Amino acid sequence: MARKGAFSESGIVLVNKPVGISSNAVVNIVKRVLDAKKCGHLGTLDLEGEGLLPVTVNGGTRLFDFFLNKDKTYRATFEFGFETDTLDFAGEVIKRKECHLTREQVEAACKLMLGKYAQMPPLYSAKKVGGRVAYKEALKGNEIELQPKEVEIYDLKVLNEVRENAFEFEISCSSGTYIRSLCRDLAEKMSTYGSMQCILRTRCGIFHLEDTYSLDDVKAGNFDLISCDSVFDFESVMLDEKKTEKLLNGQFLKTNKPNGKYKTYSATKQFLGVSDVIDGSLKLTLRLI
């Protein structure tokens, strides 16, 4: 059970972000409730997106790069026959093309999207180009030159036909995939247009939606903090006080451990982070204190 007041522990809080609040606003709520020094998140959700948002606390914020390339799973509803400027329901319709799609047609197109491809981000996104945020520039009417990025779609399947030309999907994909762009690109495979109507993130790496806490629980302080060391499936290394000091000062330690990554603990059993062993030398490569 997380507690209020000055908070020095590090870890992760799994929040079920509701529609209509930004990811940064959720982060700030966790920070305020815990009175933590710093908080972050492991992958933003759009304002109108909902679902799993892992919020990192104190030293846990250094986990961002580790989770940067973790796979994600979503449930989303795509509607075909029109496209908005934001590629979702919040935007203005800019293109239309009448269509009457069957589930069989959509499933056939899904197969064409599997694998790696160069995906163009949405114009209205948090993507930064030359230090400028795409959606902020778009709102100002400024042109910004976005570049495609390679993403990978592992699985894309139709769950339900919601209504004519609207289908619910489950998507498993690489980190960095824009689901709104996937909707647009899937529609193109069927010679029409598409816009995402809703999105729910159900998985981020090892974290799952069923383990999250509601925002009301978070505001009340009724949630648990996942320890940073629990996210790593590595063998542990325990150090004495002298070796701990050397390691935290950036020095290498001699070891007979095989090459690989190790969870590393101090003499007081404090989790220091992840160390790499290369040819008899151990060095802290991900420091979490």
Protein backbone atom coordinates (compact mmCIF):
# COMPACT_ATOMS: atom_id res chain seq x y z
CA MET A 1 0.00 0.00 0.00
CA ALA A 2 1.52 3.30 -1.06
CA ARG A 3 1.60 6.00 1.60
CA LYS A 4 1.36 9.74 1.49
CA GLY A 5 4.07 12.10 2.68
CA ALA A 6 7.73 12.47 1.78
CA PHE A 7 8.55 9.50 -0.38
CA SER A 8 12.03 8.28 -1.24
CA GLU A 9 11.30 4.80 -2.59
CA SER A 10 11.61 4.00 -6.29
CA GLY A 11 9.27 1.89 -8.38
CA ILE A 12 6.35 1.77 -10.78
CA VAL A 13 2.62 2.44 -10.35
CA LEU A 14 0.30 0.86 -12.92
CA VAL A 15 -2.52 3.31 -13.62
CA ASN A 16 -5.67 2.73 -15.68
CA LYS A 17 -5.76 6.10 -17.44
CA PRO A 18 -9.27 7.27 -18.29
CA VAL A 19 -10.29 9.16 -21.42
CA GLY A 20 -9.96 12.94 -21.26
CA ILE A 21 -6.85 13.35 -19.12
CA SER A 22 -3.29 13.60 -20.40
CA SER A 23 -0.58 11.11 -19.48
CA ASN A 24 1.44 13.94 -17.92
CA ALA A 25 -1.52 14.93 -15.75
CA VAL A 26 -1.72 11.35 -14.42
CA VAL A 27 2.01 11.44 -13.70
CA ASN A 28 1.58 14.69 -11.76
CA ILE A 29 -1.25 13.18 -9.70
CA VAL A 30 0.97 10.24 -8.66
CA LYS A 31 3.80 12.64 -7.87
CA ARG A 32 1.56 14.82 -5.73
CA VAL A 33 -0.04 11.91 -3.86
CA LEU A 34 3.33 10.39 -2.99
CA ASP A 35 5.17 13.68 -2.58
CA ALA A 36 7.83 12.05 -4.76
CA LYS A 37 10.88 13.92 -5.99
CA LYS A 38 10.21 12.96 -9.60
CA CYS A 39 7.87 10.83 -11.69
CA GLY A 40 7.56 9.88 -15.33
CA HIS A 41 5.85 7.31 -17.52
CA LEU A 42 6.84 4.45 -19.82
CA GLY A 43 5.04 5.51 -22.99
CA THR A 44 2.39 8.19 -23.45
CA LEU A 45 -1.28 7.65 -24.22
CA ASP A 46 -3.18 10.29 -26.20
CA LEU A 47 -5.69 12.47 -24.36
CA GLU A 48 -8.57 10.38 -25.73
CA GLY A 49 -6.76 7.08 -25.16
CA GLU A 50 -7.28 4.94 -22.09
CA GLY A 51 -5.81 1.95 -20.35
CA LEU A 52 -2.46 0.88 -18.98
CA LEU A 53 -0.06 3.71 -18.13
CA PRO A 54 3.02 2.64 -16.13
CA VAL A 55 4.09 5.61 -14.01
CA THR A 56 7.67 5.58 -12.74
CA VAL A 57 8.64 7.01 -9.34
CA ASN A 58 11.99 8.52 -8.31
CA GLY A 59 14.79 6.21 -9.51
CA GLY A 60 12.25 4.27 -11.54
CA THR A 61 12.25 7.12 -14.07
CA ARG A 62 15.59 5.77 -15.29
CA LEU A 63 13.79 2.70 -16.59
CA PHE A 64 12.49 4.63 -19.62
CA ASP A 65 15.28 3.59 -21.99
CA PHE A 66 14.98 -0.03 -20.84
CA PHE A 67 11.29 -0.03 -21.76
CA LEU A 68 11.72 2.08 -24.89
CA ASN A 69 11.58 -0.94 -27.18
CA LYS A 70 9.06 -3.05 -25.29
CA ASP A 71 6.12 -4.44 -27.25
CA LYS A 72 2.58 -3.22 -26.62
CA THR A 73 -0.95 -4.53 -27.10
CA TYR A 74 -4.05 -2.44 -27.78
CA ARG A 75 -7.75 -2.78 -28.45
CA ALA A 76 -9.05 -0.16 -30.85
CA THR A 77 -12.08 0.54 -32.99
CA PHE A 78 -11.48 1.72 -36.57
CA GLU A 79 -14.21 3.18 -38.73
CA PHE A 80 -13.75 3.20 -42.50
CA GLY A 81 -15.09 5.43 -45.24
CA PHE A 82 -13.65 8.74 -44.02
CA GLU A 83 -10.46 10.25 -42.63
CA THR A 84 -10.04 13.13 -40.18
CA ASP A 85 -7.11 15.52 -39.90
CA THR A 86 -6.14 13.93 -36.57
CA LEU A 87 -6.84 10.35 -37.76
CA ASP A 88 -9.27 9.92 -34.84
CA PHE A 89 -12.80 10.96 -33.87
CA ALA A 90 -11.63 14.24 -32.36
CA GLY A 91 -10.66 15.73 -35.71
CA GLU A 92 -12.42 17.26 -38.69
CA VAL A 93 -13.34 15.03 -41.62
CA ILE A 94 -11.10 15.86 -44.59
CA LYS A 95 -11.64 12.84 -46.88
CA ARG A 96 -14.56 10.54 -47.65
CA LYS A 97 -15.02 7.46 -49.80
CA GLU A 98 -18.11 5.30 -49.68
CA CYS A 99 -17.46 1.67 -48.83
CA HIS A 100 -19.34 -1.41 -47.61
CA LEU A 101 -16.67 -3.62 -46.06
CA THR A 102 -17.21 -7.19 -44.97
CA ARG A 103 -15.38 -8.78 -42.07
CA GLU A 104 -13.69 -11.12 -44.55
CA GLN A 105 -12.31 -8.16 -46.52
CA VAL A 106 -10.99 -6.51 -43.39
CA GLU A 107 -9.37 -9.72 -42.12
CA ALA A 108 -7.66 -10.21 -45.48
CA ALA A 109 -6.27 -6.67 -45.30
CA CYS A 110 -5.05 -7.27 -41.74
CA LYS A 111 -2.76 -10.02 -43.01
CA LEU A 112 -1.14 -7.53 -45.38
CA MET A 113 -0.17 -5.29 -42.45
CA LEU A 114 1.79 -7.93 -40.53
CA GLY A 115 5.54 -7.49 -40.27
CA LYS A 116 7.77 -4.43 -40.49
CA TYR A 117 6.93 -1.33 -42.47
CA ALA A 118 7.81 2.37 -42.63
CA GLN A 119 4.98 4.17 -40.83
CA MET A 120 4.31 7.89 -41.17
CA PRO A 121 3.34 9.43 -37.79
CA PRO A 122 0.11 11.45 -37.55
CA LEU A 123 0.48 15.19 -38.07
CA TYR A 124 -1.29 15.72 -34.75
CA SER A 125 1.06 13.76 -32.48
CA ALA A 126 3.65 14.32 -29.77
CA LYS A 127 6.37 13.46 -32.29
CA LYS A 128 9.26 15.94 -32.11
CA VAL A 129 10.97 17.20 -35.26
CA GLY A 130 13.93 19.49 -34.75
CA GLY A 131 12.84 20.10 -31.18
CA ARG A 132 9.33 21.11 -32.26
CA VAL A 133 6.25 19.09 -31.23
CA ALA A 134 4.23 18.13 -34.29
CA TYR A 135 0.73 18.75 -32.92
CA LYS A 136 1.67 22.15 -31.48
CA GLU A 137 3.04 23.26 -34.83
CA ALA A 138 -0.04 21.89 -36.61
CA LEU A 139 -2.33 23.86 -34.28
CA LYS A 140 -0.38 27.02 -35.19
CA GLY A 141 -0.81 26.26 -38.87
CA ASN A 142 2.92 25.72 -39.33
CA GLU A 143 4.24 23.08 -41.68
CA ILE A 144 6.46 20.39 -40.23
CA GLU A 145 8.20 17.65 -42.18
CA LEU A 146 7.56 14.30 -40.54
CA GLN A 147 9.66 11.27 -41.42
CA PRO A 148 8.47 7.64 -41.50
CA LYS A 149 9.74 5.25 -38.84
CA GLU A 150 10.05 1.48 -39.08
CA VAL A 151 7.54 -0.29 -36.86
CA GLU A 152 6.43 -3.91 -36.65
CA ILE A 153 2.93 -5.33 -36.42
CA TYR A 154 3.09 -8.75 -34.77
CA ASP A 155 -0.62 -9.48 -34.77
CA LEU A 156 -3.71 -7.67 -36.02
CA LYS A 157 -7.03 -9.38 -35.67
CA VAL A 158 -10.69 -8.43 -35.89
CA LEU A 159 -12.55 -8.96 -32.62
CA ASN A 160 -16.00 -7.63 -33.50
CA GLU A 161 -17.96 -5.86 -36.20
CA VAL A 162 -19.34 -2.91 -34.24
CA ARG A 163 -21.54 -1.55 -37.03
CA GLU A 164 -21.25 -1.17 -40.77
CA ASN A 165 -17.67 -0.22 -41.67
CA ALA A 166 -16.62 -0.11 -38.01
CA PHE A 167 -14.60 -2.94 -36.45
CA GLU A 168 -12.90 -3.61 -33.13
CA PHE A 169 -9.31 -4.87 -33.38
CA GLU A 170 -6.63 -6.30 -31.12
CA ILE A 171 -3.18 -5.09 -32.09
CA SER A 172 0.18 -6.38 -30.91
CA CYS A 173 3.01 -4.17 -32.11
CA SER A 174 6.45 -2.76 -31.51
CA SER A 175 6.97 0.30 -29.36
CA GLY A 176 6.61 3.53 -31.29
CA THR A 177 3.71 2.32 -33.42
CA TYR A 178 0.96 4.89 -33.93
CA ILE A 179 -2.37 3.08 -33.91
CA ARG A 180 -4.08 6.00 -35.64
CA SER A 181 -1.58 5.68 -38.48
CA LEU A 182 -2.16 1.94 -38.57
CA CYS A 183 -5.87 2.63 -39.10
CA ARG A 184 -5.07 4.95 -42.00
CA ASP A 185 -2.68 2.44 -43.55
CA LEU A 186 -5.06 -0.49 -43.13
CA ALA A 187 -7.79 1.52 -44.85
CA GLU A 188 -5.43 2.21 -47.74
CA LYS A 189 -5.04 -1.55 -48.26
CA MET A 190 -8.80 -1.64 -48.84
CA SER A 191 -8.80 1.42 -51.11
CA THR A 192 -10.68 3.61 -48.67
CA TYR A 193 -10.08 5.90 -45.69
CA GLY A 194 -10.20 5.23 -41.96
CA SER A 195 -10.18 6.96 -38.59
CA MET A 196 -9.66 5.50 -35.13
CA GLN A 197 -12.70 5.85 -32.87
CA CYS A 198 -11.29 4.65 -29.53
CA ILE A 199 -8.20 2.95 -28.12
CA LEU A 200 -7.39 0.94 -24.99
CA ARG A 201 -3.85 -0.15 -24.10
CA THR A 202 -3.91 -3.57 -22.46
CA ARG A 203 -0.20 -4.44 -22.25
CA CYS A 204 3.17 -2.70 -22.10
CA GLY A 205 6.07 -5.13 -21.92
CA ILE A 206 5.50 -7.31 -18.84
CA PHE A 207 2.71 -5.09 -17.47
CA HIS A 208 -1.00 -5.81 -18.03
CA LEU A 209 -4.22 -3.82 -17.75
CA GLU A 210 -5.76 -6.18 -15.18
CA ASP A 211 -3.04 -5.17 -12.69
CA THR A 212 -3.76 -1.43 -12.87
CA TYR A 213 -5.34 0.93 -10.34
CA SER A 214 -8.09 3.41 -11.14
CA LEU A 215 -7.36 7.12 -10.99
CA ASP A 216 -9.69 7.39 -8.00
CA ASP A 217 -7.64 4.76 -6.17
CA VAL A 218 -4.47 6.65 -7.03
CA LYS A 219 -5.89 9.94 -5.72
CA ALA A 220 -6.85 8.17 -2.49
CA GLY A 221 -3.40 6.63 -2.15
CA ASN A 222 -4.83 3.11 -2.46
CA PHE A 223 -2.25 1.48 -4.70
CA ASP A 224 0.91 -0.58 -4.54
CA LEU A 225 4.34 0.34 -5.81
CA ILE A 226 6.08 -2.28 -7.96
CA SER A 227 9.73 -2.51 -7.00
CA CYS A 228 12.22 -1.75 -9.75
CA ASP A 229 14.13 -5.00 -9.30
CA SER A 230 11.01 -7.09 -9.93
CA VAL A 231 10.92 -6.07 -13.60
CA PHE A 232 14.26 -7.73 -14.33
CA ASP A 233 14.63 -11.48 -14.78
CA PHE A 234 18.37 -11.60 -14.09
CA GLU A 235 20.54 -13.39 -11.55
CA SER A 236 21.41 -11.31 -8.46
CA VAL A 237 24.80 -10.10 -7.27
CA MET A 238 25.30 -9.02 -3.63
CA LEU A 239 28.15 -6.61 -2.86
CA ASP A 240 29.89 -5.67 0.37
CA GLU A 241 30.18 -2.04 1.45
CA LYS A 242 33.58 -1.44 -0.16
CA LYS A 243 32.56 -2.90 -3.53
CA THR A 244 29.29 -0.98 -3.44
CA GLU A 245 31.18 2.28 -3.05
CA LYS A 246 33.52 1.44 -5.93
CA LEU A 247 30.69 0.46 -8.22
CA LEU A 248 28.71 3.64 -7.48
CA ASN A 249 31.85 5.65 -8.28
CA GLY A 250 31.89 4.15 -11.76
CA GLN A 251 34.67 1.63 -11.20
CA PHE A 252 34.82 -1.91 -12.56
CA LEU A 253 34.83 -4.86 -10.19
CA LYS A 254 36.62 -8.12 -10.79
CA THR A 255 34.29 -11.14 -10.82
CA ASN A 256 34.18 -14.78 -11.81
CA LYS A 257 30.55 -14.48 -12.94
CA PRO A 258 29.78 -15.49 -16.54
CA ASN A 259 29.17 -12.71 -19.08
CA GLY A 260 25.66 -11.26 -18.88
CA LYS A 261 23.38 -8.90 -16.97
CA TYR A 262 22.86 -9.04 -13.19
CA LYS A 263 20.56 -7.41 -10.65
CA THR A 264 22.96 -5.72 -8.27
CA TYR A 265 22.42 -5.08 -4.56
CA SER A 266 24.40 -3.22 -1.88
CA ALA A 267 25.53 -4.63 1.43
CA THR A 268 22.28 -3.31 2.95
CA LYS A 269 20.28 -5.19 0.25
CA GLN A 270 19.38 -1.97 -1.56
CA PHE A 271 18.78 -2.48 -5.27
CA LEU A 272 21.42 -0.48 -7.12
CA GLY A 273 20.44 -1.34 -10.66
CA VAL A 274 21.63 -3.62 -13.45
CA SER A 275 25.28 -4.47 -14.03
CA ASP A 276 26.95 -6.01 -17.05
CA VAL A 277 29.69 -8.60 -16.71
CA ILE A 278 32.13 -8.70 -19.62
CA ASP A 279 35.23 -10.89 -19.47
CA GLY A 280 35.59 -10.88 -15.69
CA SER A 281 34.67 -7.22 -15.14
CA LEU A 282 31.40 -6.03 -13.60
CA LYS A 283 30.12 -2.48 -14.16
CA LEU A 284 26.84 -0.80 -13.23
CA THR A 285 25.20 0.10 -16.53
CA LEU A 286 21.67 0.99 -15.34
CA ARG A 287 21.82 2.86 -12.05
CA LEU A 288 18.50 3.22 -10.25
CA ILE A 289 19.52 5.10 -7.09
